Amino acid sequence: MADKQKKIVSMRISESDHLKIKRIANRLGVRDSDMYRYAIKTVLSKLSPLDHKNRSGSEVLPAFIECGKELSSFFNLDAENKIVRNPCFFANFNGHTLSFLLNSWLK
């Protein structure tokens, strides 16, 4: 990454999530801010195939294999209505569409 400047961001989280972060950070002997950075870096790493607009089909599949259930549940994604209509997520795998694969994860 050429730009090494850090950016300050603000986010709203629930009190219970904030307390979980504090307890885990305390147990590990690290700062709360380190826990937030770790959590963000971990998720970004798992979702990295989605970070490139020119990737589609089998190139983005690893992100859905890794996080498909969590993504669909957290963002309330419906494979038929929200994911497949986005060309990034549409692909054909041996006669099965990604929609079919995602619907099996949603069940």
Protein backbone atom coordinates (compact mmCIF):
# COMPACT_ATOMS: atom_id res chain seq x y z
CA MET A 1 0.00 0.00 0.00
CA ALA A 2 1.58 3.25 -1.13
CA ASP A 3 -0.49 5.48 1.19
CA LYS A 4 0.69 4.77 4.74
CA GLN A 5 -1.30 7.61 6.32
CA LYS A 6 -3.76 6.53 8.98
CA LYS A 7 -7.34 7.76 8.92
CA ILE A 8 -9.50 8.45 11.93
CA VAL A 9 -12.94 6.88 11.73
CA SER A 10 -15.89 6.90 14.04
CA MET A 11 -18.42 4.10 14.40
CA ARG A 12 -21.36 3.22 16.54
CA ILE A 13 -21.43 -0.16 18.22
CA SER A 14 -23.62 -1.62 20.90
CA GLU A 15 -22.58 -1.36 24.53
CA SER A 16 -22.36 -5.15 24.75
CA ASP A 17 -19.99 -5.35 21.75
CA HIS A 18 -17.89 -2.55 23.21
CA LEU A 19 -17.63 -4.40 26.54
CA LYS A 20 -16.68 -7.63 24.74
CA ILE A 21 -13.87 -5.82 22.94
CA LYS A 22 -12.65 -4.32 26.22
CA ARG A 23 -12.74 -7.69 28.03
CA ILE A 24 -10.92 -9.52 25.24
CA ALA A 25 -8.33 -6.74 24.93
CA ASN A 26 -7.80 -6.80 28.68
CA ARG A 27 -7.40 -10.57 28.70
CA LEU A 28 -4.85 -10.40 25.86
CA GLY A 29 -3.05 -7.46 27.43
CA VAL A 30 -3.57 -5.19 24.41
CA ARG A 31 -5.33 -1.88 23.84
CA ASP A 32 -8.96 -1.67 22.77
CA SER A 33 -7.87 0.12 19.61
CA ASP A 34 -5.61 -2.82 18.74
CA MET A 35 -8.60 -5.16 19.01
CA TYR A 36 -10.66 -2.99 16.67
CA ARG A 37 -7.81 -2.87 14.14
CA TYR A 38 -7.35 -6.64 14.41
CA ALA A 39 -11.07 -7.26 13.85
CA ILE A 40 -11.16 -4.98 10.82
CA LYS A 41 -7.98 -6.43 9.30
CA THR A 42 -9.28 -9.98 9.81
CA VAL A 43 -12.60 -9.28 8.09
CA LEU A 44 -10.93 -7.35 5.26
CA SER A 45 -8.58 -10.26 4.67
CA LYS A 46 -11.47 -12.73 4.45
CA LEU A 47 -13.42 -10.45 2.10
CA SER A 48 -10.42 -9.41 -0.01
CA PRO A 49 -11.75 -11.11 -3.19
CA LEU A 50 -14.63 -8.59 -3.12
CA ASP A 51 -12.24 -5.63 -2.99
CA HIS A 52 -11.65 -5.60 -6.75
CA LYS A 53 -14.43 -4.51 -9.12
CA ASN A 54 -13.03 -6.52 -12.01
CA ARG A 55 -13.32 -9.84 -10.12
CA SER A 56 -16.40 -11.99 -10.50
CA GLY A 57 -17.57 -15.57 -10.50
CA SER A 58 -15.06 -18.06 -9.20
CA GLU A 59 -12.70 -15.23 -8.22
CA VAL A 60 -15.12 -13.98 -5.52
CA LEU A 61 -16.32 -17.42 -4.45
CA PRO A 62 -13.66 -17.78 -1.68
CA ALA A 63 -15.18 -14.83 0.17
CA PHE A 64 -18.59 -16.49 0.12
CA ILE A 65 -17.20 -19.85 1.14
CA GLU A 66 -15.44 -18.19 4.07
CA CYS A 67 -18.17 -15.73 5.14
CA GLY A 68 -21.33 -16.55 3.16
CA LYS A 69 -23.62 -17.32 6.08
CA GLU A 70 -22.40 -14.39 8.15
CA LEU A 71 -22.74 -11.96 5.23
CA SER A 72 -26.24 -13.11 4.33
CA SER A 73 -27.41 -13.03 7.93
CA PHE A 74 -25.80 -9.74 9.01
CA PHE A 75 -26.71 -7.81 5.87
CA ASN A 76 -29.99 -9.69 5.36
CA LEU A 77 -28.92 -10.66 1.84
CA ASP A 78 -31.32 -12.58 -0.32
CA ALA A 79 -29.45 -14.52 -2.99
CA GLU A 80 -32.19 -14.16 -5.58
CA ASN A 81 -32.96 -10.49 -5.12
CA LYS A 82 -29.74 -8.81 -4.03
CA ILE A 83 -26.70 -10.90 -4.82
CA VAL A 84 -27.31 -12.48 -8.20
CA ARG A 85 -28.53 -9.24 -9.77
CA ASN A 86 -25.11 -7.79 -9.05
CA PRO A 87 -22.87 -9.08 -11.91
CA CYS A 88 -19.94 -9.37 -9.50
CA PHE A 89 -21.67 -12.29 -7.82
CA PHE A 90 -23.12 -14.12 -10.81
CA ALA A 91 -21.27 -17.08 -12.19
CA ASN A 92 -21.92 -20.53 -13.53
CA PHE A 93 -20.14 -23.45 -11.87
CA ASN A 94 -20.61 -26.75 -13.70
CA GLY A 95 -24.20 -25.92 -14.55
CA HIS A 96 -25.05 -24.54 -11.09
CA THR A 97 -25.42 -20.85 -10.57
CA LEU A 98 -23.93 -19.03 -7.63
CA SER A 99 -27.53 -18.29 -6.71
CA PHE A 100 -28.07 -22.00 -6.14
CA LEU A 101 -24.94 -22.21 -3.99
CA LEU A 102 -25.90 -19.16 -1.95
CA ASN A 103 -29.46 -20.38 -1.46
CA SER A 104 -28.07 -23.58 0.05
CA TRP A 105 -26.01 -21.45 2.50
CA LEU A 106 -29.06 -19.39 3.43
CA LYS A 107 -31.04 -22.45 4.49
